[in-house]
Amino acid sequence: MRARARRPERVPNAAAGVLSAAASSTSGRRRATAFALAIACAACVPGTQAHAEKPVFRHPFDGQPIDVPEAKTKTPALERFKQTGENMYRDDATAVGQGKALYDQWCQVCHAADGTGKMCPSLVVSDHIYPQTSNDAGMFAILYVGASGAMQSFASRMSQDEMLKVVAYVRTLSK
């Protein structure tokens, strides 16, 4: 008599359907292979991926968290950014173009058209004045609250969504 293969544990999310389908459609050694495959594929099932941590926006001077209030104009990109730190505009040509227009209006006079810096630091080198600008949440925070020298807050000059577009454009300068 053949020993019955143990069913995989149920996973309490969308991957459960994948796992139980894999377990019921196979037997023995094939079941173990199907189970391993289902685990590997579970990362592809919406709702099963590990969620990125909610970003903490920090002040460039003391590293203390800053309050970024709810935006007057909410967009899906801004909402996702505030939850995950992921800037959806980085792969959106239209948004990057809008970010370039804002950069040309507000930023290039100090940071140069190519981001290499004039009277203010370069935005395209890996040696950052404020290390937090190496990620989008950090650059957003500096746009929101400002930094030393001429870098004043842009919170009253552009929307939070527009700031995200500027960050998306700046990221294209170093490519």
N, C-alpha and C. Protein backbone atom coordinates (compact mmCIF):
# COMPACT_ATOMS: atom_id res chain seq x y z
N MET A 1 0.84 -1.18 0.00
CA MET A 1 0.00 0.00 0.00
C MET A 1 0.89 1.24 0.00
N ARG A 2 0.56 2.16 -0.82
CA ARG A 2 1.34 3.37 -0.98
C ARG A 2 0.95 4.42 0.05
N ALA A 3 1.95 5.07 0.62
CA ALA A 3 1.67 6.11 1.62
C ALA A 3 1.05 7.32 0.92
N ARG A 4 0.11 7.86 1.57
CA ARG A 4 -0.57 9.02 1.01
C ARG A 4 0.28 10.27 1.22
N ALA A 5 0.47 11.06 0.17
CA ALA A 5 1.26 12.30 0.28
C ALA A 5 0.48 13.31 1.10
N ARG A 6 1.20 14.03 1.90
CA ARG A 6 0.59 15.04 2.77
C ARG A 6 0.21 16.26 1.95
N ARG A 7 -0.96 16.76 2.17
CA ARG A 7 -1.41 17.97 1.48
C ARG A 7 -0.67 19.17 2.00
N PRO A 8 -0.35 20.13 1.12
CA PRO A 8 0.33 21.34 1.58
C PRO A 8 -0.58 22.15 2.50
N GLU A 9 0.05 22.94 3.37
CA GLU A 9 -0.73 23.79 4.25
C GLU A 9 -1.44 24.85 3.43
N ARG A 10 -2.59 25.22 3.90
CA ARG A 10 -3.34 26.26 3.19
C ARG A 10 -2.75 27.61 3.53
N VAL A 11 -2.70 28.44 2.52
CA VAL A 11 -2.14 29.78 2.68
C VAL A 11 -3.30 30.76 2.69
N PRO A 12 -3.40 31.63 3.72
CA PRO A 12 -4.57 32.49 3.88
C PRO A 12 -4.53 33.74 2.98
N ASN A 13 -4.49 33.54 1.68
CA ASN A 13 -4.56 34.67 0.74
C ASN A 13 -4.85 34.13 -0.64
N ALA A 14 -4.66 34.94 -1.65
CA ALA A 14 -4.99 34.53 -3.02
C ALA A 14 -4.16 33.35 -3.49
N ALA A 15 -3.01 33.12 -2.88
CA ALA A 15 -2.17 32.00 -3.28
C ALA A 15 -2.80 30.67 -2.88
N ALA A 16 -3.73 30.69 -1.95
CA ALA A 16 -4.35 29.45 -1.49
C ALA A 16 -5.00 28.70 -2.64
N GLY A 17 -5.67 29.42 -3.51
CA GLY A 17 -6.29 28.76 -4.65
C GLY A 17 -5.27 28.10 -5.55
N VAL A 18 -4.15 28.75 -5.77
CA VAL A 18 -3.08 28.18 -6.59
C VAL A 18 -2.53 26.94 -5.92
N LEU A 19 -2.30 27.01 -4.61
CA LEU A 19 -1.71 25.89 -3.89
C LEU A 19 -2.64 24.69 -3.84
N SER A 20 -3.92 24.94 -3.54
CA SER A 20 -4.82 23.80 -3.43
C SER A 20 -5.09 23.19 -4.79
N ALA A 21 -5.11 23.99 -5.85
CA ALA A 21 -5.27 23.44 -7.20
C ALA A 21 -4.08 22.57 -7.55
N ALA A 22 -2.88 23.01 -7.20
CA ALA A 22 -1.68 22.23 -7.48
C ALA A 22 -1.70 20.92 -6.70
N ALA A 23 -2.17 20.97 -5.47
CA ALA A 23 -2.17 19.78 -4.63
C ALA A 23 -3.20 18.76 -5.10
N SER A 24 -4.38 19.23 -5.52
CA SER A 24 -5.43 18.28 -5.88
C SER A 24 -5.25 17.69 -7.26
N SER A 25 -4.48 18.34 -8.12
CA SER A 25 -4.35 17.85 -9.49
C SER A 25 -3.19 16.89 -9.68
N THR A 26 -2.45 16.60 -8.63
CA THR A 26 -1.29 15.74 -8.76
C THR A 26 -1.22 14.75 -7.61
N SER A 27 -0.29 13.79 -7.73
CA SER A 27 -0.11 12.86 -6.64
C SER A 27 1.37 12.55 -6.45
N GLY A 28 1.72 12.09 -5.25
CA GLY A 28 3.09 11.66 -4.96
C GLY A 28 4.14 12.72 -5.22
N ARG A 29 5.20 12.31 -5.92
CA ARG A 29 6.34 13.17 -6.20
C ARG A 29 5.93 14.39 -7.03
N ARG A 30 4.99 14.16 -7.95
CA ARG A 30 4.53 15.28 -8.76
C ARG A 30 3.84 16.33 -7.90
N ARG A 31 3.20 15.89 -6.82
CA ARG A 31 2.54 16.85 -5.93
C ARG A 31 3.57 17.77 -5.29
N ALA A 32 4.69 17.22 -4.85
CA ALA A 32 5.75 18.05 -4.25
C ALA A 32 6.29 19.05 -5.26
N THR A 33 6.47 18.60 -6.51
CA THR A 33 6.95 19.51 -7.56
C THR A 33 5.91 20.59 -7.82
N ALA A 34 4.66 20.22 -7.90
CA ALA A 34 3.59 21.19 -8.14
C ALA A 34 3.51 22.19 -6.99
N PHE A 35 3.68 21.67 -5.76
CA PHE A 35 3.65 22.55 -4.59
C PHE A 35 4.76 23.59 -4.67
N ALA A 36 5.97 23.14 -5.00
CA ALA A 36 7.10 24.08 -5.12
C ALA A 36 6.84 25.10 -6.22
N LEU A 37 6.28 24.65 -7.32
CA LEU A 37 5.97 25.57 -8.41
C LEU A 37 4.90 26.56 -7.97
N ALA A 38 3.90 26.09 -7.25
CA ALA A 38 2.84 26.98 -6.79
C ALA A 38 3.39 28.03 -5.84
N ILE A 39 4.31 27.64 -4.97
CA ILE A 39 4.94 28.62 -4.07
C ILE A 39 5.68 29.67 -4.88
N ALA A 40 6.43 29.23 -5.88
CA ALA A 40 7.17 30.17 -6.72
C ALA A 40 6.23 31.09 -7.47
N CYS A 41 5.09 30.58 -7.93
CA CYS A 41 4.15 31.39 -8.69
C CYS A 41 3.30 32.28 -7.79
N ALA A 42 3.21 31.96 -6.51
CA ALA A 42 2.37 32.74 -5.61
C ALA A 42 2.77 34.20 -5.58
N ALA A 43 4.04 34.48 -5.80
CA ALA A 43 4.50 35.86 -5.83
C ALA A 43 3.91 36.61 -7.01
N CYS A 44 3.43 35.89 -8.02
CA CYS A 44 2.86 36.52 -9.21
C CYS A 44 1.36 36.77 -9.06
N VAL A 45 0.72 36.17 -8.06
CA VAL A 45 -0.70 36.32 -7.87
C VAL A 45 -0.96 37.63 -7.15
N PRO A 46 -1.81 38.51 -7.71
CA PRO A 46 -2.08 39.78 -7.03
C PRO A 46 -2.55 39.53 -5.61
N GLY A 47 -2.06 40.35 -4.70
CA GLY A 47 -2.45 40.25 -3.30
C GLY A 47 -1.56 39.33 -2.48
N THR A 48 -0.61 38.63 -3.12
CA THR A 48 0.24 37.73 -2.36
C THR A 48 1.64 38.26 -2.19
N GLN A 49 1.98 39.32 -2.87
CA GLN A 49 3.33 39.86 -2.76
C GLN A 49 3.48 40.59 -1.43
N ALA A 50 4.70 40.57 -0.91
CA ALA A 50 4.97 41.31 0.31
C ALA A 50 4.82 42.79 0.01
N HIS A 51 4.12 43.48 0.86
CA HIS A 51 3.92 44.91 0.65
C HIS A 51 5.15 45.68 1.08
N ALA A 52 5.49 46.69 0.28
CA ALA A 52 6.60 47.56 0.64
C ALA A 52 6.20 48.34 1.89
N GLU A 53 7.17 48.70 2.66
CA GLU A 53 6.87 49.46 3.86
C GLU A 53 6.45 50.87 3.47
N LYS A 54 5.57 51.41 4.26
CA LYS A 54 5.11 52.77 4.05
C LYS A 54 6.31 53.70 4.25
N PRO A 55 6.56 54.62 3.30
CA PRO A 55 7.74 55.48 3.44
C PRO A 55 7.58 56.47 4.58
N VAL A 56 8.69 56.82 5.18
CA VAL A 56 8.71 57.85 6.20
C VAL A 56 9.45 59.02 5.58
N PHE A 57 8.78 60.15 5.48
CA PHE A 57 9.39 61.35 4.92
C PHE A 57 10.13 62.07 6.04
N ARG A 58 11.42 62.31 5.81
CA ARG A 58 12.27 62.86 6.87
C ARG A 58 12.85 64.21 6.47
N HIS A 59 13.02 65.06 7.48
CA HIS A 59 13.60 66.38 7.27
C HIS A 59 15.09 66.21 6.98
N PRO A 60 15.63 66.95 6.00
CA PRO A 60 17.04 66.77 5.64
C PRO A 60 18.02 67.23 6.72
N PHE A 61 17.61 68.11 7.61
CA PHE A 61 18.54 68.62 8.61
C PHE A 61 18.73 67.69 9.80
N ASP A 62 17.61 67.18 10.34
CA ASP A 62 17.72 66.38 11.56
C ASP A 62 17.20 64.95 11.43
N GLY A 63 16.69 64.61 10.26
CA GLY A 63 16.21 63.25 10.04
C GLY A 63 14.89 62.94 10.72
N GLN A 64 14.29 63.93 11.35
CA GLN A 64 13.01 63.71 12.02
C GLN A 64 11.90 63.56 10.99
N PRO A 65 10.92 62.72 11.28
CA PRO A 65 9.80 62.57 10.34
C PRO A 65 9.07 63.91 10.16
N ILE A 66 8.65 64.14 8.94
CA ILE A 66 7.87 65.35 8.65
C ILE A 66 6.43 64.95 8.36
N ASP A 67 5.53 65.85 8.64
CA ASP A 67 4.13 65.61 8.36
C ASP A 67 3.83 66.05 6.94
N VAL A 68 3.41 65.13 6.12
CA VAL A 68 2.97 65.45 4.77
C VAL A 68 1.46 65.23 4.78
N PRO A 69 0.70 66.34 4.91
CA PRO A 69 -0.75 66.19 5.03
C PRO A 69 -1.37 65.62 3.76
N GLU A 70 -2.60 65.23 3.89
CA GLU A 70 -3.33 64.71 2.75
C GLU A 70 -3.36 65.78 1.66
N ALA A 71 -3.14 65.38 0.45
CA ALA A 71 -3.10 66.33 -0.67
C ALA A 71 -4.49 66.85 -1.00
N LYS A 72 -4.55 68.09 -1.48
CA LYS A 72 -5.83 68.65 -1.92
C LYS A 72 -6.35 67.87 -3.13
N THR A 73 -5.42 67.54 -4.02
CA THR A 73 -5.77 66.76 -5.20
C THR A 73 -5.12 65.40 -5.08
N LYS A 74 -5.95 64.37 -4.95
CA LYS A 74 -5.44 63.01 -4.82
C LYS A 74 -5.37 62.36 -6.19
N THR A 75 -4.29 61.64 -6.42
CA THR A 75 -4.17 60.86 -7.65
C THR A 75 -3.78 59.44 -7.25
N PRO A 76 -4.07 58.47 -8.10
CA PRO A 76 -3.65 57.10 -7.77
C PRO A 76 -2.14 56.99 -7.57
N ALA A 77 -1.37 57.72 -8.37
CA ALA A 77 0.09 57.67 -8.25
C ALA A 77 0.54 58.21 -6.89
N LEU A 78 -0.06 59.30 -6.45
CA LEU A 78 0.32 59.89 -5.16
C LEU A 78 -0.10 58.98 -4.01
N GLU A 79 -1.29 58.44 -4.08
CA GLU A 79 -1.75 57.53 -3.02
C GLU A 79 -0.83 56.31 -2.91
N ARG A 80 -0.47 55.74 -4.04
CA ARG A 80 0.42 54.57 -4.03
C ARG A 80 1.80 54.95 -3.49
N PHE A 81 2.29 56.10 -3.90
CA PHE A 81 3.60 56.57 -3.43
C PHE A 81 3.61 56.71 -1.91
N LYS A 82 2.55 57.28 -1.36
CA LYS A 82 2.50 57.48 0.10
C LYS A 82 2.37 56.16 0.85
N GLN A 83 1.87 55.13 0.19
CA GLN A 83 1.74 53.82 0.83
C GLN A 83 2.98 52.95 0.66
N THR A 84 3.66 53.07 -0.49
CA THR A 84 4.75 52.14 -0.79
C THR A 84 6.10 52.80 -1.08
N GLY A 85 6.09 54.09 -1.38
CA GLY A 85 7.33 54.76 -1.78
C GLY A 85 7.64 54.58 -3.26
N GLU A 86 6.78 53.88 -3.97
CA GLU A 86 6.99 53.64 -5.40
C GLU A 86 6.40 54.80 -6.21
N ASN A 87 7.23 55.40 -7.05
CA ASN A 87 6.79 56.50 -7.90
C ASN A 87 6.36 55.94 -9.25
N MET A 88 5.06 55.81 -9.45
CA MET A 88 4.52 55.25 -10.68
C MET A 88 4.85 56.11 -11.90
N TYR A 89 5.19 57.35 -11.69
CA TYR A 89 5.48 58.25 -12.81
C TYR A 89 6.83 57.99 -13.46
N ARG A 90 7.68 57.22 -12.82
CA ARG A 90 9.02 56.98 -13.39
C ARG A 90 8.97 56.29 -14.74
N ASP A 91 7.92 55.54 -15.02
CA ASP A 91 7.78 54.84 -16.29
C ASP A 91 6.69 55.44 -17.17
N ASP A 92 6.26 56.65 -16.86
CA ASP A 92 5.17 57.29 -17.58
C ASP A 92 5.73 58.49 -18.35
N ALA A 93 5.86 58.35 -19.67
CA ALA A 93 6.48 59.39 -20.49
C ALA A 93 5.76 60.74 -20.39
N THR A 94 4.43 60.71 -20.31
CA THR A 94 3.67 61.95 -20.20
C THR A 94 3.98 62.65 -18.88
N ALA A 95 3.98 61.90 -17.79
CA ALA A 95 4.28 62.48 -16.48
C ALA A 95 5.72 62.99 -16.41
N VAL A 96 6.65 62.25 -17.00
CA VAL A 96 8.05 62.68 -17.02
C VAL A 96 8.17 63.99 -17.80
N GLY A 97 7.43 64.11 -18.90
CA GLY A 97 7.42 65.35 -19.67
C GLY A 97 6.87 66.52 -18.87
N GLN A 98 5.81 66.26 -18.11
CA GLN A 98 5.26 67.30 -17.24
C GLN A 98 6.26 67.67 -16.14
N GLY A 99 6.96 66.65 -15.63
CA GLY A 99 8.00 66.89 -14.63
C GLY A 99 9.13 67.74 -15.19
N LYS A 100 9.48 67.51 -16.46
CA LYS A 100 10.52 68.31 -17.11
C LYS A 100 10.10 69.77 -17.20
N ALA A 101 8.84 70.01 -17.59
CA ALA A 101 8.34 71.39 -17.68
C ALA A 101 8.42 72.08 -16.32
N LEU A 102 8.04 71.37 -15.27
CA LEU A 102 8.12 71.94 -13.92
C LEU A 102 9.57 72.16 -13.51
N TYR A 103 10.44 71.20 -13.82
CA TYR A 103 11.87 71.33 -13.52
C TYR A 103 12.44 72.55 -14.24
N ASP A 104 12.10 72.71 -15.52
CA ASP A 104 12.60 73.86 -16.28
C ASP A 104 12.13 75.17 -15.66
N GLN A 105 10.92 75.19 -15.15
CA GLN A 105 10.36 76.39 -14.54
C GLN A 105 10.98 76.71 -13.19
N TRP A 106 11.14 75.69 -12.34
CA TRP A 106 11.50 75.92 -10.95
C TRP A 106 12.92 75.52 -10.56
N CYS A 107 13.51 74.55 -11.21
CA CYS A 107 14.73 73.93 -10.68
C CYS A 107 15.99 74.19 -11.49
N GLN A 108 15.87 74.28 -12.81
CA GLN A 108 17.06 74.33 -13.65
C GLN A 108 17.91 75.58 -13.43
N VAL A 109 17.33 76.66 -12.97
CA VAL A 109 18.12 77.87 -12.73
C VAL A 109 19.20 77.62 -11.67
N CYS A 110 18.94 76.77 -10.73
CA CYS A 110 19.92 76.47 -9.68
C CYS A 110 20.68 75.16 -9.92
N HIS A 111 19.98 74.16 -10.46
CA HIS A 111 20.57 72.83 -10.61
C HIS A 111 21.07 72.54 -12.02
N ALA A 112 20.92 73.49 -12.95
CA ALA A 112 21.31 73.38 -14.36
C ALA A 112 20.31 72.52 -15.12
N ALA A 113 20.22 72.77 -16.41
CA ALA A 113 19.26 72.06 -17.25
C ALA A 113 19.50 70.56 -17.24
N ASP A 114 20.75 70.14 -17.12
CA ASP A 114 21.06 68.70 -17.12
C ASP A 114 21.20 68.12 -15.72
N GLY A 115 20.91 68.93 -14.69
CA GLY A 115 20.94 68.45 -13.32
C GLY A 115 22.32 68.37 -12.69
N THR A 116 23.35 68.85 -13.39
CA THR A 116 24.72 68.75 -12.87
C THR A 116 25.05 69.81 -11.84
N GLY A 117 24.18 70.77 -11.63
CA GLY A 117 24.37 71.76 -10.59
C GLY A 117 25.00 73.04 -11.09
N LYS A 118 24.62 74.13 -10.51
CA LYS A 118 25.20 75.46 -10.73
C LYS A 118 25.57 75.97 -9.35
N MET A 119 24.71 76.84 -8.82
CA MET A 119 24.94 77.33 -7.46
C MET A 119 24.43 76.34 -6.43
N CYS A 120 23.72 75.32 -6.88
CA CYS A 120 23.18 74.29 -6.00
C CYS A 120 23.75 72.94 -6.40
N PRO A 121 23.60 71.93 -5.56
CA PRO A 121 24.24 70.63 -5.83
C PRO A 121 23.73 69.93 -7.08
N SER A 122 24.57 69.06 -7.58
CA SER A 122 24.20 68.19 -8.69
C SER A 122 23.13 67.21 -8.22
N LEU A 123 22.23 66.91 -9.11
CA LEU A 123 21.18 65.94 -8.83
C LEU A 123 21.45 64.60 -9.50
N VAL A 124 22.56 64.52 -10.24
CA VAL A 124 22.82 63.32 -11.04
C VAL A 124 24.02 62.52 -10.59
N VAL A 125 24.67 62.92 -9.54
CA VAL A 125 25.82 62.16 -9.04
C VAL A 125 25.37 61.24 -7.92
N SER A 126 26.17 60.23 -7.62
CA SER A 126 25.80 59.32 -6.54
C SER A 126 26.27 59.82 -5.17
N ASP A 127 27.12 60.84 -5.14
CA ASP A 127 27.59 61.44 -3.89
C ASP A 127 26.66 62.61 -3.56
N HIS A 128 25.60 62.33 -2.82
CA HIS A 128 24.56 63.31 -2.54
C HIS A 128 24.89 64.16 -1.33
N ILE A 129 24.56 65.45 -1.42
CA ILE A 129 24.68 66.34 -0.26
C ILE A 129 23.78 65.81 0.86
N TYR A 130 22.58 65.47 0.49
CA TYR A 130 21.63 64.87 1.41
C TYR A 130 21.42 63.43 0.95
N PRO A 131 22.00 62.46 1.64
CA PRO A 131 21.91 61.06 1.19
C PRO A 131 20.48 60.58 0.93
N GLN A 132 19.52 61.17 1.61
CA GLN A 132 18.14 60.73 1.42
C GLN A 132 17.65 60.96 -0.01
N THR A 133 18.32 61.85 -0.77
CA THR A 133 17.86 62.09 -2.15
C THR A 133 18.19 60.93 -3.08
N SER A 134 18.85 59.91 -2.57
CA SER A 134 19.13 58.74 -3.40
C SER A 134 17.86 57.92 -3.64
N ASN A 135 16.79 58.18 -2.89
CA ASN A 135 15.52 57.51 -3.16
C ASN A 135 14.42 58.55 -3.36
N ASP A 136 13.35 58.13 -4.00
CA ASP A 136 12.29 59.07 -4.37
C ASP A 136 11.59 59.69 -3.17
N ALA A 137 11.40 58.94 -2.10
CA ALA A 137 10.75 59.49 -0.91
C ALA A 137 11.60 60.60 -0.30
N GLY A 138 12.92 60.42 -0.31
CA GLY A 138 13.81 61.44 0.23
C GLY A 138 13.84 62.70 -0.61
N MET A 139 13.86 62.53 -1.93
CA MET A 139 13.85 63.70 -2.81
C MET A 139 12.51 64.44 -2.69
N PHE A 140 11.44 63.67 -2.59
CA PHE A 140 10.11 64.27 -2.40
C PHE A 140 10.10 65.11 -1.12
N ALA A 141 10.65 64.57 -0.04
CA ALA A 141 10.66 65.27 1.24
C ALA A 141 11.40 66.60 1.14
N ILE A 142 12.51 66.60 0.41
CA ILE A 142 13.27 67.85 0.27
C ILE A 142 12.49 68.86 -0.57
N LEU A 143 11.82 68.40 -1.61
CA LEU A 143 10.97 69.32 -2.36
C LEU A 143 9.86 69.87 -1.45
N TYR A 144 9.34 69.02 -0.59
CA TYR A 144 8.22 69.41 0.25
C TYR A 144 8.62 70.40 1.36
N VAL A 145 9.76 70.14 2.04
CA VAL A 145 10.13 71.01 3.17
C VAL A 145 11.30 71.94 2.88
N GLY A 146 12.05 71.67 1.81
CA GLY A 146 13.22 72.50 1.50
C GLY A 146 14.47 71.93 2.15
N ALA A 147 15.57 72.64 1.94
CA ALA A 147 16.86 72.22 2.50
C ALA A 147 17.68 73.49 2.74
N SER A 148 18.98 73.35 2.81
CA SER A 148 19.81 74.52 3.11
C SER A 148 19.97 75.43 1.89
N GLY A 149 20.49 76.62 2.13
CA GLY A 149 20.76 77.56 1.05
C GLY A 149 19.48 78.06 0.39
N ALA A 150 19.49 78.07 -0.92
CA ALA A 150 18.36 78.61 -1.68
C ALA A 150 17.20 77.62 -1.80
N MET A 151 17.40 76.40 -1.38
CA MET A 151 16.36 75.38 -1.56
C MET A 151 15.24 75.57 -0.55
N GLN A 152 14.24 76.30 -1.00
CA GLN A 152 13.07 76.54 -0.16
C GLN A 152 12.02 75.46 -0.42
N SER A 153 11.03 75.40 0.43
CA SER A 153 9.94 74.45 0.26
C SER A 153 9.14 74.78 -1.00
N PHE A 154 8.73 73.74 -1.70
CA PHE A 154 7.88 73.91 -2.87
C PHE A 154 6.43 73.55 -2.56
N ALA A 155 6.11 73.32 -1.30
CA ALA A 155 4.76 72.90 -0.93
C ALA A 155 3.70 73.92 -1.31
N SER A 156 4.07 75.19 -1.38
CA SER A 156 3.08 76.20 -1.76
C SER A 156 3.17 76.56 -3.24
N ARG A 157 4.15 76.00 -3.95
CA ARG A 157 4.33 76.33 -5.37
C ARG A 157 3.88 75.23 -6.32
N MET A 158 3.91 74.00 -5.86
CA MET A 158 3.43 72.91 -6.70
C MET A 158 2.73 71.87 -5.82
N SER A 159 1.89 71.11 -6.47
CA SER A 159 1.15 70.08 -5.74
C SER A 159 2.08 68.91 -5.43
N GLN A 160 1.65 68.07 -4.51
CA GLN A 160 2.43 66.87 -4.19
C GLN A 160 2.56 65.97 -5.41
N ASP A 161 1.51 65.90 -6.21
CA ASP A 161 1.55 65.09 -7.42
C ASP A 161 2.59 65.66 -8.41
N GLU A 162 2.63 66.97 -8.53
CA GLU A 162 3.63 67.60 -9.40
C GLU A 162 5.04 67.34 -8.90
N MET A 163 5.23 67.33 -7.59
CA MET A 163 6.55 67.01 -7.03
C MET A 163 6.99 65.62 -7.45
N LEU A 164 6.05 64.68 -7.43
CA LEU A 164 6.38 63.32 -7.88
C LEU A 164 6.82 63.30 -9.33
N LYS A 165 6.21 64.12 -10.15
CA LYS A 165 6.57 64.19 -11.56
C LYS A 165 7.96 64.79 -11.74
N VAL A 166 8.29 65.79 -10.93
CA VAL A 166 9.64 66.36 -10.98
C VAL A 166 10.67 65.30 -10.59
N VAL A 167 10.39 64.56 -9.54
CA VAL A 167 11.30 63.50 -9.11
C VAL A 167 11.47 62.48 -10.24
N ALA A 168 10.38 62.11 -10.89
CA ALA A 168 10.45 61.15 -12.00
C ALA A 168 11.34 61.70 -13.11
N TYR A 169 11.21 62.99 -13.42
CA TYR A 169 12.05 63.58 -14.45
C TYR A 169 13.53 63.61 -14.03
N VAL A 170 13.78 64.02 -12.81
CA VAL A 170 15.17 64.10 -12.33
C VAL A 170 15.83 62.73 -12.44
N ARG A 171 15.10 61.66 -12.18
CA ARG A 171 15.67 60.31 -12.27
C ARG A 171 16.08 59.96 -13.71
N THR A 172 15.49 60.63 -14.70
CA THR A 172 15.89 60.35 -16.10
C THR A 172 17.21 61.04 -16.44
N LEU A 173 17.59 62.05 -15.67
CA LEU A 173 18.80 62.81 -15.99
C LEU A 173 20.06 62.01 -15.78
N SER A 174 20.04 61.07 -14.87
CA SER A 174 21.26 60.30 -14.58
C SER A 174 21.40 59.07 -15.47
N LYS A 175 20.48 58.86 -16.38
CA LYS A 175 20.53 57.68 -17.25
C LYS A 175 21.40 57.93 -18.45
